[in-house]
Amino acid sequence: MNGLFFALEGIDGSGKSTQLKLLAKRLEEAGFPCLTTCEPTERPIGRLLRQVLTGQVRCDSRVVATLFAADRLDHLLNEENGLCRALASGVTVLCDRYYFSSYAYQSVDLPLDWVIQANQPCADLLRPTATIFIDVDPELALERIVQSRENTELFETRDRLIRTREQYFKVFDMHRDLEKVIFIRGGRDIDTVAQDIWERVRPFFQGL
């Protein structure tokens, strides 16, 4: 692929979406066109994902498998906004979802091995140039969530945040991706974290 693909990750409340937007702005200003994606979207698949996570839709293999097929593969391949097409044209892709683990599904108690197996078609198509993991203490993350939202959702609990963080590390290890993960210390002010990310990402663009 000609472009660069960076997945910005972390548990809910880590500030990943904010940092994704700040990094996109820096890259655009530096002359590197970007495609950014934040999920869940307001499209039907995004709404269904949110309903699964909040318990409004009963989670079973049929529903979840459909979500994987429609959300992951479609987003990689579709003609208008597909990640593969953007990368082939030299665009930098910034994504806030780890495509080969889909950590959010852990919130509905699916076996991690099953999640990875279901998402294998995406793993075969695309791997991040690097995954930026914004590591925030779950207690601080939950505090941020409570402060920033009128209503927290059913899966946004301390135990869930701890479990999700642990699952990330398991997935990184199972995919042998640890050497491609950039760990950023969260819990600091937004601009300091943004500068840290920028310093770690900038070398990928030297010589382009």
N, C-alpha and C. Protein backbone atom coordinates (compact mmCIF):
# COMPACT_ATOMS: atom_id res chain seq x y z
N MET A 1 0.84 -1.19 0.00
CA MET A 1 0.00 0.00 0.00
C MET A 1 0.88 1.25 0.00
N ASN A 2 0.42 2.29 -0.63
CA ASN A 2 1.20 3.51 -0.77
C ASN A 2 1.01 4.47 0.40
N GLY A 3 -0.18 4.42 1.03
CA GLY A 3 -0.44 5.30 2.15
C GLY A 3 -0.01 4.69 3.46
N LEU A 4 -0.21 5.44 4.54
CA LEU A 4 0.10 4.97 5.88
C LEU A 4 -1.19 4.85 6.68
N PHE A 5 -1.29 3.77 7.46
CA PHE A 5 -2.50 3.49 8.22
C PHE A 5 -2.15 3.47 9.71
N PHE A 6 -2.74 4.40 10.46
CA PHE A 6 -2.52 4.46 11.90
C PHE A 6 -3.84 4.23 12.62
N ALA A 7 -3.86 3.26 13.53
CA ALA A 7 -5.02 3.03 14.38
C ALA A 7 -4.75 3.70 15.72
N LEU A 8 -5.61 4.63 16.12
CA LEU A 8 -5.50 5.27 17.43
C LEU A 8 -6.45 4.55 18.38
N GLU A 9 -5.89 4.01 19.43
CA GLU A 9 -6.70 3.18 20.31
C GLU A 9 -6.51 3.53 21.78
N GLY A 10 -7.32 2.90 22.60
CA GLY A 10 -7.34 3.12 24.03
C GLY A 10 -8.74 2.82 24.52
N ILE A 11 -8.90 2.67 25.81
CA ILE A 11 -10.22 2.40 26.36
C ILE A 11 -11.07 3.66 26.27
N ASP A 12 -12.39 3.53 26.38
CA ASP A 12 -13.26 4.69 26.38
C ASP A 12 -12.82 5.65 27.49
N GLY A 13 -12.80 6.95 27.15
CA GLY A 13 -12.34 7.94 28.11
C GLY A 13 -10.86 8.25 28.01
N SER A 14 -10.17 7.59 27.06
CA SER A 14 -8.74 7.86 26.89
C SER A 14 -8.48 9.09 26.03
N GLY A 15 -9.51 9.57 25.34
CA GLY A 15 -9.35 10.75 24.50
C GLY A 15 -8.89 10.44 23.10
N LYS A 16 -9.07 9.21 22.65
CA LYS A 16 -8.55 8.81 21.34
C LYS A 16 -9.19 9.58 20.19
N SER A 17 -10.50 9.82 20.25
CA SER A 17 -11.16 10.53 19.15
C SER A 17 -10.66 11.96 19.04
N THR A 18 -10.46 12.61 20.19
CA THR A 18 -9.91 13.97 20.18
C THR A 18 -8.51 13.98 19.58
N GLN A 19 -7.70 13.02 19.99
CA GLN A 19 -6.33 12.96 19.48
C GLN A 19 -6.29 12.59 18.00
N LEU A 20 -7.22 11.78 17.55
CA LEU A 20 -7.31 11.45 16.13
C LEU A 20 -7.55 12.72 15.32
N LYS A 21 -8.46 13.56 15.78
CA LYS A 21 -8.76 14.80 15.06
C LYS A 21 -7.59 15.77 15.08
N LEU A 22 -6.89 15.85 16.21
CA LEU A 22 -5.74 16.74 16.30
C LEU A 22 -4.61 16.26 15.40
N LEU A 23 -4.38 14.95 15.35
CA LEU A 23 -3.33 14.42 14.48
C LEU A 23 -3.68 14.64 13.01
N ALA A 24 -4.95 14.44 12.66
CA ALA A 24 -5.38 14.68 11.28
C ALA A 24 -5.13 16.13 10.89
N LYS A 25 -5.41 17.05 11.78
CA LYS A 25 -5.19 18.47 11.50
C LYS A 25 -3.72 18.75 11.27
N ARG A 26 -2.85 18.19 12.09
CA ARG A 26 -1.41 18.38 11.93
C ARG A 26 -0.94 17.85 10.57
N LEU A 27 -1.41 16.65 10.22
CA LEU A 27 -0.96 16.04 8.97
C LEU A 27 -1.45 16.82 7.76
N GLU A 28 -2.71 17.26 7.81
CA GLU A 28 -3.25 18.05 6.70
C GLU A 28 -2.45 19.34 6.54
N GLU A 29 -2.11 19.99 7.65
CA GLU A 29 -1.34 21.23 7.59
C GLU A 29 0.07 20.98 7.07
N ALA A 30 0.58 19.75 7.27
CA ALA A 30 1.91 19.40 6.78
C ALA A 30 1.88 18.92 5.33
N GLY A 31 0.68 18.90 4.73
CA GLY A 31 0.57 18.52 3.33
C GLY A 31 0.26 17.07 3.07
N PHE A 32 -0.15 16.34 4.09
CA PHE A 32 -0.49 14.93 3.92
C PHE A 32 -2.01 14.75 4.03
N PRO A 33 -2.70 14.50 2.91
CA PRO A 33 -4.15 14.30 2.97
C PRO A 33 -4.51 13.10 3.82
N CYS A 34 -5.60 13.20 4.59
CA CYS A 34 -5.98 12.15 5.52
C CYS A 34 -7.42 11.71 5.31
N LEU A 35 -7.66 10.44 5.58
CA LEU A 35 -9.01 9.92 5.74
C LEU A 35 -9.13 9.51 7.20
N THR A 36 -10.10 10.08 7.91
CA THR A 36 -10.29 9.75 9.32
C THR A 36 -11.62 9.03 9.49
N THR A 37 -11.66 8.13 10.44
CA THR A 37 -12.89 7.39 10.71
C THR A 37 -13.06 7.21 12.20
N CYS A 38 -14.25 7.54 12.70
CA CYS A 38 -14.61 7.34 14.10
C CYS A 38 -15.88 6.51 14.14
N GLU A 39 -15.95 5.56 15.04
CA GLU A 39 -17.12 4.69 15.14
C GLU A 39 -17.59 4.61 16.58
N PRO A 40 -18.81 4.20 16.84
CA PRO A 40 -19.84 3.82 15.90
C PRO A 40 -20.41 5.03 15.14
N THR A 41 -20.77 4.82 13.90
CA THR A 41 -21.32 5.87 13.06
C THR A 41 -22.82 5.97 13.27
N GLU A 42 -23.42 6.96 12.62
CA GLU A 42 -24.88 7.09 12.66
C GLU A 42 -25.55 6.28 11.56
N ARG A 43 -24.76 5.60 10.76
CA ARG A 43 -25.33 4.74 9.72
C ARG A 43 -25.99 3.53 10.39
N PRO A 44 -26.83 2.79 9.65
CA PRO A 44 -27.55 1.67 10.27
C PRO A 44 -26.66 0.69 11.01
N ILE A 45 -25.51 0.34 10.45
CA ILE A 45 -24.63 -0.62 11.12
C ILE A 45 -24.09 -0.03 12.41
N GLY A 46 -23.75 1.26 12.37
CA GLY A 46 -23.26 1.90 13.59
C GLY A 46 -24.30 1.93 14.68
N ARG A 47 -25.55 2.18 14.30
CA ARG A 47 -26.63 2.21 15.30
C ARG A 47 -26.86 0.82 15.87
N LEU A 48 -26.79 -0.21 15.01
CA LEU A 48 -26.98 -1.57 15.49
C LEU A 48 -25.87 -1.96 16.45
N LEU A 49 -24.63 -1.56 16.13
CA LEU A 49 -23.51 -1.83 17.02
C LEU A 49 -23.76 -1.21 18.39
N ARG A 50 -24.21 0.04 18.41
CA ARG A 50 -24.48 0.71 19.67
C ARG A 50 -25.58 -0.01 20.44
N GLN A 51 -26.59 -0.49 19.72
CA GLN A 51 -27.69 -1.20 20.38
C GLN A 51 -27.22 -2.53 20.97
N VAL A 52 -26.31 -3.20 20.27
CA VAL A 52 -25.76 -4.44 20.81
C VAL A 52 -24.98 -4.15 22.09
N LEU A 53 -24.17 -3.10 22.06
CA LEU A 53 -23.33 -2.78 23.21
C LEU A 53 -24.16 -2.36 24.42
N THR A 54 -25.27 -1.70 24.19
CA THR A 54 -26.08 -1.21 25.30
C THR A 54 -27.15 -2.20 25.72
N GLY A 55 -27.21 -3.36 25.07
CA GLY A 55 -28.14 -4.39 25.47
C GLY A 55 -29.54 -4.24 24.89
N GLN A 56 -29.75 -3.27 23.99
CA GLN A 56 -31.06 -3.11 23.37
C GLN A 56 -31.35 -4.22 22.36
N VAL A 57 -30.30 -4.77 21.79
CA VAL A 57 -30.43 -5.88 20.85
C VAL A 57 -29.73 -7.09 21.46
N ARG A 58 -30.41 -8.19 21.48
CA ARG A 58 -29.83 -9.42 22.03
C ARG A 58 -28.65 -9.85 21.16
N CYS A 59 -27.53 -10.11 21.79
CA CYS A 59 -26.32 -10.46 21.06
C CYS A 59 -26.28 -11.97 20.83
N ASP A 60 -26.22 -12.38 19.59
CA ASP A 60 -25.98 -13.78 19.27
C ASP A 60 -25.04 -13.84 18.07
N SER A 61 -24.63 -15.02 17.68
CA SER A 61 -23.62 -15.15 16.63
C SER A 61 -24.12 -14.60 15.30
N ARG A 62 -25.42 -14.68 15.05
CA ARG A 62 -25.95 -14.18 13.78
C ARG A 62 -25.83 -12.66 13.71
N VAL A 63 -26.24 -11.98 14.78
CA VAL A 63 -26.18 -10.52 14.80
C VAL A 63 -24.74 -10.04 14.73
N VAL A 64 -23.88 -10.63 15.56
CA VAL A 64 -22.51 -10.16 15.62
C VAL A 64 -21.76 -10.48 14.33
N ALA A 65 -21.97 -11.66 13.78
CA ALA A 65 -21.32 -12.00 12.52
C ALA A 65 -21.75 -11.04 11.42
N THR A 66 -23.03 -10.64 11.42
CA THR A 66 -23.50 -9.67 10.43
C THR A 66 -22.79 -8.34 10.61
N LEU A 67 -22.62 -7.92 11.86
CA LEU A 67 -21.92 -6.67 12.11
C LEU A 67 -20.49 -6.73 11.59
N PHE A 68 -19.83 -7.82 11.85
CA PHE A 68 -18.46 -7.96 11.36
C PHE A 68 -18.43 -7.84 9.84
N ALA A 69 -19.28 -8.59 9.16
CA ALA A 69 -19.25 -8.65 7.70
C ALA A 69 -19.57 -7.29 7.08
N ALA A 70 -20.60 -6.62 7.60
CA ALA A 70 -21.06 -5.38 7.00
C ALA A 70 -20.20 -4.18 7.40
N ASP A 71 -19.79 -4.14 8.66
CA ASP A 71 -19.08 -2.97 9.14
C ASP A 71 -17.60 -3.01 8.81
N ARG A 72 -16.96 -4.15 9.08
CA ARG A 72 -15.53 -4.23 8.87
C ARG A 72 -15.17 -4.32 7.37
N LEU A 73 -15.66 -5.33 6.69
CA LEU A 73 -15.25 -5.53 5.31
C LEU A 73 -15.76 -4.42 4.41
N ASP A 74 -16.99 -3.97 4.64
CA ASP A 74 -17.53 -2.89 3.81
C ASP A 74 -16.68 -1.64 3.97
N HIS A 75 -16.28 -1.35 5.18
CA HIS A 75 -15.53 -0.12 5.40
C HIS A 75 -14.13 -0.23 4.82
N LEU A 76 -13.59 -1.41 4.75
CA LEU A 76 -12.28 -1.59 4.12
C LEU A 76 -12.36 -1.45 2.60
N LEU A 77 -13.44 -1.95 2.00
CA LEU A 77 -13.46 -2.16 0.56
C LEU A 77 -14.39 -1.25 -0.23
N ASN A 78 -15.37 -0.60 0.41
CA ASN A 78 -16.36 0.10 -0.41
C ASN A 78 -15.71 1.21 -1.23
N GLU A 79 -16.34 1.53 -2.35
CA GLU A 79 -15.73 2.42 -3.35
C GLU A 79 -15.61 3.86 -2.87
N GLU A 80 -16.57 4.32 -2.07
CA GLU A 80 -16.57 5.74 -1.72
C GLU A 80 -15.59 6.08 -0.61
N ASN A 81 -15.60 5.29 0.47
CA ASN A 81 -14.76 5.62 1.62
C ASN A 81 -13.89 4.45 2.07
N GLY A 82 -13.69 3.46 1.25
CA GLY A 82 -12.94 2.29 1.66
C GLY A 82 -11.51 2.60 2.03
N LEU A 83 -11.04 2.00 3.11
CA LEU A 83 -9.69 2.26 3.57
C LEU A 83 -8.65 1.79 2.56
N CYS A 84 -8.89 0.63 1.95
CA CYS A 84 -7.92 0.09 0.99
C CYS A 84 -7.75 1.02 -0.20
N ARG A 85 -8.85 1.57 -0.68
CA ARG A 85 -8.78 2.48 -1.82
C ARG A 85 -8.02 3.75 -1.46
N ALA A 86 -8.29 4.29 -0.27
CA ALA A 86 -7.60 5.50 0.17
C ALA A 86 -6.10 5.25 0.29
N LEU A 87 -5.73 4.12 0.87
CA LEU A 87 -4.31 3.79 1.03
C LEU A 87 -3.62 3.61 -0.31
N ALA A 88 -4.31 2.96 -1.25
CA ALA A 88 -3.73 2.74 -2.57
C ALA A 88 -3.45 4.06 -3.29
N SER A 89 -4.26 5.09 -2.99
CA SER A 89 -4.09 6.39 -3.64
C SER A 89 -3.08 7.27 -2.91
N GLY A 90 -2.47 6.75 -1.83
CA GLY A 90 -1.45 7.49 -1.11
C GLY A 90 -1.95 8.31 0.04
N VAL A 91 -3.23 8.19 0.37
CA VAL A 91 -3.80 8.95 1.48
C VAL A 91 -3.41 8.29 2.81
N THR A 92 -3.20 9.11 3.84
CA THR A 92 -2.97 8.60 5.19
C THR A 92 -4.31 8.32 5.85
N VAL A 93 -4.47 7.13 6.42
CA VAL A 93 -5.71 6.75 7.08
C VAL A 93 -5.50 6.74 8.59
N LEU A 94 -6.38 7.45 9.29
CA LEU A 94 -6.38 7.46 10.76
C LEU A 94 -7.69 6.83 11.21
N CYS A 95 -7.60 5.83 12.06
CA CYS A 95 -8.78 5.07 12.45
C CYS A 95 -8.79 4.89 13.96
N ASP A 96 -9.98 4.96 14.57
CA ASP A 96 -10.06 4.79 16.02
C ASP A 96 -10.63 3.44 16.42
N ARG A 97 -10.51 2.46 15.55
CA ARG A 97 -10.99 1.12 15.87
C ARG A 97 -9.95 0.11 15.42
N TYR A 98 -9.53 -0.76 16.32
CA TYR A 98 -8.54 -1.78 15.96
C TYR A 98 -9.23 -2.88 15.16
N TYR A 99 -8.97 -2.90 13.88
CA TYR A 99 -9.78 -3.69 12.98
C TYR A 99 -9.66 -5.20 13.18
N PHE A 100 -8.66 -5.65 13.89
CA PHE A 100 -8.46 -7.08 13.97
C PHE A 100 -8.82 -7.64 15.33
N SER A 101 -9.37 -6.80 16.19
CA SER A 101 -9.88 -7.29 17.47
C SER A 101 -11.29 -6.79 17.73
N SER A 102 -11.62 -5.61 17.19
CA SER A 102 -12.91 -4.97 17.47
C SER A 102 -13.23 -5.10 18.95
N TYR A 103 -12.46 -4.39 19.75
CA TYR A 103 -12.51 -4.55 21.19
C TYR A 103 -13.90 -4.33 21.76
N ALA A 104 -14.72 -3.49 21.10
CA ALA A 104 -16.04 -3.18 21.67
C ALA A 104 -16.88 -4.44 21.86
N TYR A 105 -16.64 -5.44 21.04
CA TYR A 105 -17.43 -6.66 21.16
C TYR A 105 -17.13 -7.41 22.45
N GLN A 106 -16.01 -7.08 23.08
CA GLN A 106 -15.73 -7.71 24.36
C GLN A 106 -16.74 -7.29 25.42
N SER A 107 -17.41 -6.17 25.17
CA SER A 107 -18.38 -5.68 26.14
C SER A 107 -19.61 -6.57 26.23
N VAL A 108 -19.79 -7.45 25.28
CA VAL A 108 -20.94 -8.36 25.32
C VAL A 108 -20.49 -9.80 25.56
N ASP A 109 -19.33 -9.95 26.19
CA ASP A 109 -18.86 -11.25 26.67
C ASP A 109 -18.69 -12.29 25.57
N LEU A 110 -18.16 -11.87 24.45
CA LEU A 110 -17.82 -12.83 23.40
C LEU A 110 -16.41 -13.35 23.63
N PRO A 111 -16.18 -14.64 23.36
CA PRO A 111 -14.83 -15.18 23.53
C PRO A 111 -13.83 -14.48 22.61
N LEU A 112 -12.68 -14.11 23.16
CA LEU A 112 -11.69 -13.38 22.38
C LEU A 112 -11.23 -14.17 21.16
N ASP A 113 -11.06 -15.47 21.29
CA ASP A 113 -10.64 -16.29 20.15
C ASP A 113 -11.67 -16.21 19.02
N TRP A 114 -12.96 -16.20 19.40
CA TRP A 114 -14.02 -16.12 18.40
C TRP A 114 -13.99 -14.78 17.69
N VAL A 115 -13.76 -13.71 18.46
CA VAL A 115 -13.71 -12.36 17.87
C VAL A 115 -12.60 -12.28 16.83
N ILE A 116 -11.43 -12.79 17.17
CA ILE A 116 -10.30 -12.73 16.25
C ILE A 116 -10.58 -13.57 15.01
N GLN A 117 -11.15 -14.75 15.20
CA GLN A 117 -11.46 -15.61 14.05
C GLN A 117 -12.48 -14.95 13.12
N ALA A 118 -13.50 -14.32 13.71
CA ALA A 118 -14.52 -13.68 12.89
C ALA A 118 -13.97 -12.50 12.11
N ASN A 119 -12.98 -11.85 12.66
CA ASN A 119 -12.41 -10.67 12.03
C ASN A 119 -11.20 -10.99 11.15
N GLN A 120 -10.87 -12.26 10.98
CA GLN A 120 -9.68 -12.64 10.24
C GLN A 120 -9.65 -12.13 8.80
N PRO A 121 -10.80 -12.09 8.09
CA PRO A 121 -10.75 -11.54 6.72
C PRO A 121 -10.18 -10.14 6.67
N CYS A 122 -10.48 -9.32 7.67
CA CYS A 122 -9.94 -7.96 7.70
C CYS A 122 -8.45 -7.97 8.02
N ALA A 123 -8.05 -8.86 8.92
CA ALA A 123 -6.63 -8.95 9.26
C ALA A 123 -5.81 -9.37 8.06
N ASP A 124 -6.39 -10.22 7.20
CA ASP A 124 -5.68 -10.65 6.01
C ASP A 124 -5.55 -9.53 4.98
N LEU A 125 -6.51 -8.59 4.99
CA LEU A 125 -6.50 -7.50 4.03
C LEU A 125 -5.59 -6.35 4.43
N LEU A 126 -5.54 -6.06 5.71
CA LEU A 126 -4.91 -4.81 6.12
C LEU A 126 -4.39 -4.88 7.56
N ARG A 127 -3.20 -4.39 7.75
CA ARG A 127 -2.67 -4.23 9.10
C ARG A 127 -2.17 -2.79 9.24
N PRO A 128 -2.29 -2.23 10.44
CA PRO A 128 -1.84 -0.84 10.62
C PRO A 128 -0.33 -0.70 10.42
N THR A 129 0.07 0.44 9.90
CA THR A 129 1.48 0.79 9.89
C THR A 129 1.98 0.82 11.33
N ALA A 130 1.16 1.40 12.19
CA ALA A 130 1.43 1.40 13.63
C ALA A 130 0.12 1.65 14.36
N THR A 131 -0.01 1.08 15.55
CA THR A 131 -1.16 1.33 16.41
C THR A 131 -0.72 2.23 17.54
N ILE A 132 -1.38 3.37 17.69
CA ILE A 132 -1.08 4.31 18.76
C ILE A 132 -2.05 4.02 19.90
N PHE A 133 -1.53 3.54 21.01
CA PHE A 133 -2.37 3.17 22.15
C PHE A 133 -2.21 4.21 23.24
N ILE A 134 -3.29 4.97 23.49
CA ILE A 134 -3.28 6.00 24.52
C ILE A 134 -3.68 5.33 25.83
N ASP A 135 -2.70 5.13 26.69
CA ASP A 135 -2.91 4.33 27.89
C ASP A 135 -3.31 5.21 29.07
N VAL A 136 -4.55 5.06 29.51
CA VAL A 136 -5.10 5.86 30.61
C VAL A 136 -5.59 4.91 31.70
N ASP A 137 -5.35 5.28 32.94
CA ASP A 137 -5.84 4.49 34.06
C ASP A 137 -7.37 4.38 33.98
N PRO A 138 -7.93 3.17 34.10
CA PRO A 138 -9.38 3.00 33.99
C PRO A 138 -10.19 3.88 34.93
N GLU A 139 -9.67 4.15 36.13
CA GLU A 139 -10.38 5.00 37.08
C GLU A 139 -10.52 6.42 36.52
N LEU A 140 -9.43 6.94 35.95
CA LEU A 140 -9.46 8.27 35.36
C LEU A 140 -10.37 8.29 34.14
N ALA A 141 -10.31 7.21 33.33
CA ALA A 141 -11.16 7.14 32.15
C ALA A 141 -12.63 7.18 32.52
N LEU A 142 -13.01 6.41 33.54
CA LEU A 142 -14.41 6.40 33.96
C LEU A 142 -14.82 7.77 34.50
N GLU A 143 -13.93 8.41 35.21
CA GLU A 143 -14.22 9.75 35.73
C GLU A 143 -14.49 10.71 34.58
N ARG A 144 -13.71 10.62 33.53
CA ARG A 144 -13.91 11.48 32.36
C ARG A 144 -15.25 11.19 31.69
N ILE A 145 -15.58 9.92 31.57
CA ILE A 145 -16.84 9.53 30.94
C ILE A 145 -18.02 10.10 31.71
N VAL A 146 -17.99 9.93 33.02
CA VAL A 146 -19.09 10.41 33.87
C VAL A 146 -19.23 11.93 33.78
N GLN A 147 -18.11 12.63 33.72
CA GLN A 147 -18.14 14.09 33.68
C GLN A 147 -18.62 14.63 32.33
N SER A 148 -18.38 13.87 31.26
CA SER A 148 -18.64 14.41 29.92
C SER A 148 -19.97 13.96 29.34
N ARG A 149 -20.68 13.05 29.99
CA ARG A 149 -21.93 12.53 29.43
C ARG A 149 -23.06 12.62 30.45
N GLU A 150 -24.23 12.92 29.95
CA GLU A 150 -25.40 12.97 30.83
C GLU A 150 -25.73 11.57 31.34
N ASN A 151 -25.61 10.59 30.46
CA ASN A 151 -25.91 9.20 30.85
C ASN A 151 -24.79 8.29 30.37
N THR A 152 -24.21 7.54 31.29
CA THR A 152 -23.24 6.54 30.86
C THR A 152 -24.00 5.31 30.36
N GLU A 153 -23.35 4.57 29.46
CA GLU A 153 -24.02 3.41 28.87
C GLU A 153 -23.69 2.15 29.66
N LEU A 154 -24.46 1.11 29.40
CA LEU A 154 -24.39 -0.09 30.24
C LEU A 154 -23.01 -0.72 30.28
N PHE A 155 -22.26 -0.59 29.19
CA PHE A 155 -20.96 -1.24 29.14
C PHE A 155 -19.84 -0.35 29.69
N GLU A 156 -20.17 0.88 30.08
CA GLU A 156 -19.16 1.80 30.57
C GLU A 156 -19.08 1.71 32.10
N THR A 157 -18.37 0.69 32.53
CA THR A 157 -18.16 0.48 33.96
C THR A 157 -16.67 0.29 34.22
N ARG A 158 -16.29 0.44 35.47
CA ARG A 158 -14.87 0.28 35.83
C ARG A 158 -14.37 -1.10 35.42
N ASP A 159 -15.12 -2.15 35.75
CA ASP A 159 -14.68 -3.50 35.44
C ASP A 159 -14.55 -3.71 33.93
N ARG A 160 -15.49 -3.13 33.15
CA ARG A 160 -15.42 -3.26 31.70
C ARG A 160 -14.19 -2.56 31.14
N LEU A 161 -13.90 -1.40 31.66
CA LEU A 161 -12.74 -0.66 31.17
C LEU A 161 -11.45 -1.41 31.47
N ILE A 162 -11.36 -1.98 32.67
CA ILE A 162 -10.18 -2.77 33.03
C ILE A 162 -10.06 -3.98 32.11
N ARG A 163 -11.18 -4.66 31.90
CA ARG A 163 -11.17 -5.85 31.05
C ARG A 163 -10.81 -5.51 29.61
N THR A 164 -11.36 -4.42 29.10
CA THR A 164 -11.07 -4.02 27.73
C THR A 164 -9.60 -3.72 27.55
N ARG A 165 -9.01 -3.01 28.52
CA ARG A 165 -7.58 -2.72 28.44
C ARG A 165 -6.77 -4.02 28.40
N GLU A 166 -7.12 -4.98 29.24
CA GLU A 166 -6.42 -6.26 29.25
C GLU A 166 -6.57 -6.98 27.92
N GLN A 167 -7.78 -6.91 27.34
CA GLN A 167 -8.02 -7.60 26.06
C GLN A 167 -7.16 -7.02 24.95
N TYR A 168 -6.97 -5.70 24.96
CA TYR A 168 -6.11 -5.08 23.95
C TYR A 168 -4.73 -5.73 23.96
N PHE A 169 -4.15 -5.85 25.13
CA PHE A 169 -2.80 -6.39 25.22
C PHE A 169 -2.76 -7.84 24.77
N LYS A 170 -3.81 -8.60 25.06
CA LYS A 170 -3.88 -9.98 24.59
C LYS A 170 -3.92 -10.04 23.07
N VAL A 171 -4.73 -9.15 22.48
CA VAL A 171 -4.86 -9.15 21.02
C VAL A 171 -3.55 -8.72 20.37
N PHE A 172 -2.91 -7.69 20.91
CA PHE A 172 -1.62 -7.27 20.36
C PHE A 172 -0.65 -8.44 20.35
N ASP A 173 -0.65 -9.21 21.44
CA ASP A 173 0.26 -10.34 21.56
C ASP A 173 -0.12 -11.46 20.59
N MET A 174 -1.40 -11.76 20.51
CA MET A 174 -1.85 -12.86 19.65
C MET A 174 -1.60 -12.56 18.18
N HIS A 175 -1.64 -11.29 17.80
CA HIS A 175 -1.37 -10.90 16.42
C HIS A 175 0.10 -10.59 16.18
N ARG A 176 0.89 -10.75 17.23
CA ARG A 176 2.32 -10.44 17.14
C ARG A 176 2.53 -9.01 16.64
N ASP A 177 1.72 -8.10 17.16
CA ASP A 177 1.77 -6.70 16.74
C ASP A 177 2.43 -5.80 17.78
N LEU A 178 2.91 -6.36 18.87
CA LEU A 178 3.42 -5.52 19.95
C LEU A 178 4.54 -4.59 19.48
N GLU A 179 5.36 -5.07 18.53
CA GLU A 179 6.46 -4.24 18.06
C GLU A 179 5.98 -3.06 17.23
N LYS A 180 4.69 -3.11 16.82
CA LYS A 180 4.14 -2.02 16.01
C LYS A 180 3.18 -1.15 16.82
N VAL A 181 3.16 -1.32 18.13
CA VAL A 181 2.30 -0.51 18.98
C VAL A 181 3.12 0.60 19.63
N ILE A 182 2.64 1.83 19.48
CA ILE A 182 3.27 2.99 20.10
C ILE A 182 2.45 3.34 21.35
N PHE A 183 3.04 3.15 22.50
CA PHE A 183 2.32 3.41 23.75
C PHE A 183 2.53 4.86 24.18
N ILE A 184 1.41 5.57 24.34
CA ILE A 184 1.43 6.97 24.74
C ILE A 184 0.82 7.08 26.14
N ARG A 185 1.52 7.76 27.04
CA ARG A 185 0.99 7.93 28.39
C ARG A 185 -0.12 8.96 28.39
N GLY A 186 -1.33 8.53 28.68
CA GLY A 186 -2.45 9.45 28.76
C GLY A 186 -2.52 10.06 30.15
N GLY A 187 -3.64 10.68 30.46
CA GLY A 187 -3.81 11.27 31.77
C GLY A 187 -3.15 12.63 31.91
N ARG A 188 -2.55 13.13 30.83
CA ARG A 188 -1.95 14.46 30.84
C ARG A 188 -2.86 15.41 30.06
N ASP A 189 -2.48 16.68 29.97
CA ASP A 189 -3.34 17.60 29.25
C ASP A 189 -3.32 17.26 27.75
N ILE A 190 -4.37 17.66 27.06
CA ILE A 190 -4.59 17.28 25.67
C ILE A 190 -3.42 17.65 24.78
N ASP A 191 -2.91 18.88 24.93
CA ASP A 191 -1.85 19.35 24.04
C ASP A 191 -0.55 18.59 24.24
N THR A 192 -0.25 18.22 25.48
CA THR A 192 0.97 17.46 25.75
C THR A 192 0.90 16.08 25.11
N VAL A 193 -0.26 15.42 25.24
CA VAL A 193 -0.43 14.11 24.62
C VAL A 193 -0.36 14.23 23.11
N ALA A 194 -0.99 15.27 22.55
CA ALA A 194 -0.98 15.48 21.10
C ALA A 194 0.44 15.67 20.58
N GLN A 195 1.25 16.43 21.31
CA GLN A 195 2.62 16.66 20.89
C GLN A 195 3.43 15.37 20.96
N ASP A 196 3.19 14.57 21.99
CA ASP A 196 3.87 13.28 22.14
C ASP A 196 3.54 12.38 20.94
N ILE A 197 2.25 12.31 20.59
CA ILE A 197 1.84 11.50 19.44
C ILE A 197 2.52 12.00 18.17
N TRP A 198 2.52 13.31 17.98
CA TRP A 198 3.10 13.88 16.77
C TRP A 198 4.59 13.55 16.65
N GLU A 199 5.31 13.64 17.76
CA GLU A 199 6.75 13.32 17.73
C GLU A 199 7.00 11.86 17.38
N ARG A 200 6.08 10.98 17.80
CA ARG A 200 6.26 9.55 17.53
C ARG A 200 5.84 9.18 16.11
N VAL A 201 4.92 9.94 15.54
CA VAL A 201 4.38 9.64 14.20
C VAL A 201 5.22 10.30 13.09
N ARG A 202 5.76 11.46 13.37
CA ARG A 202 6.44 12.24 12.33
C ARG A 202 7.53 11.46 11.58
N PRO A 203 8.34 10.61 12.25
CA PRO A 203 9.38 9.89 11.49
C PRO A 203 8.83 9.02 10.34
N PHE A 204 7.57 8.55 10.45
CA PHE A 204 7.01 7.73 9.37
C PHE A 204 6.88 8.53 8.08
N PHE A 205 6.81 9.85 8.18
CA PHE A 205 6.55 10.68 7.01
C PHE A 205 7.83 11.28 6.42
N GLN A 206 8.95 11.08 7.08
CA GLN A 206 10.21 11.62 6.55
C GLN A 206 10.59 10.92 5.26
N GLY A 207 10.88 11.69 4.27
CA GLY A 207 11.27 11.14 2.98
C GLY A 207 10.11 10.89 2.03
N LEU A 208 8.87 11.11 2.48
CA LEU A 208 7.73 10.92 1.58
C LEU A 208 7.50 12.16 0.72
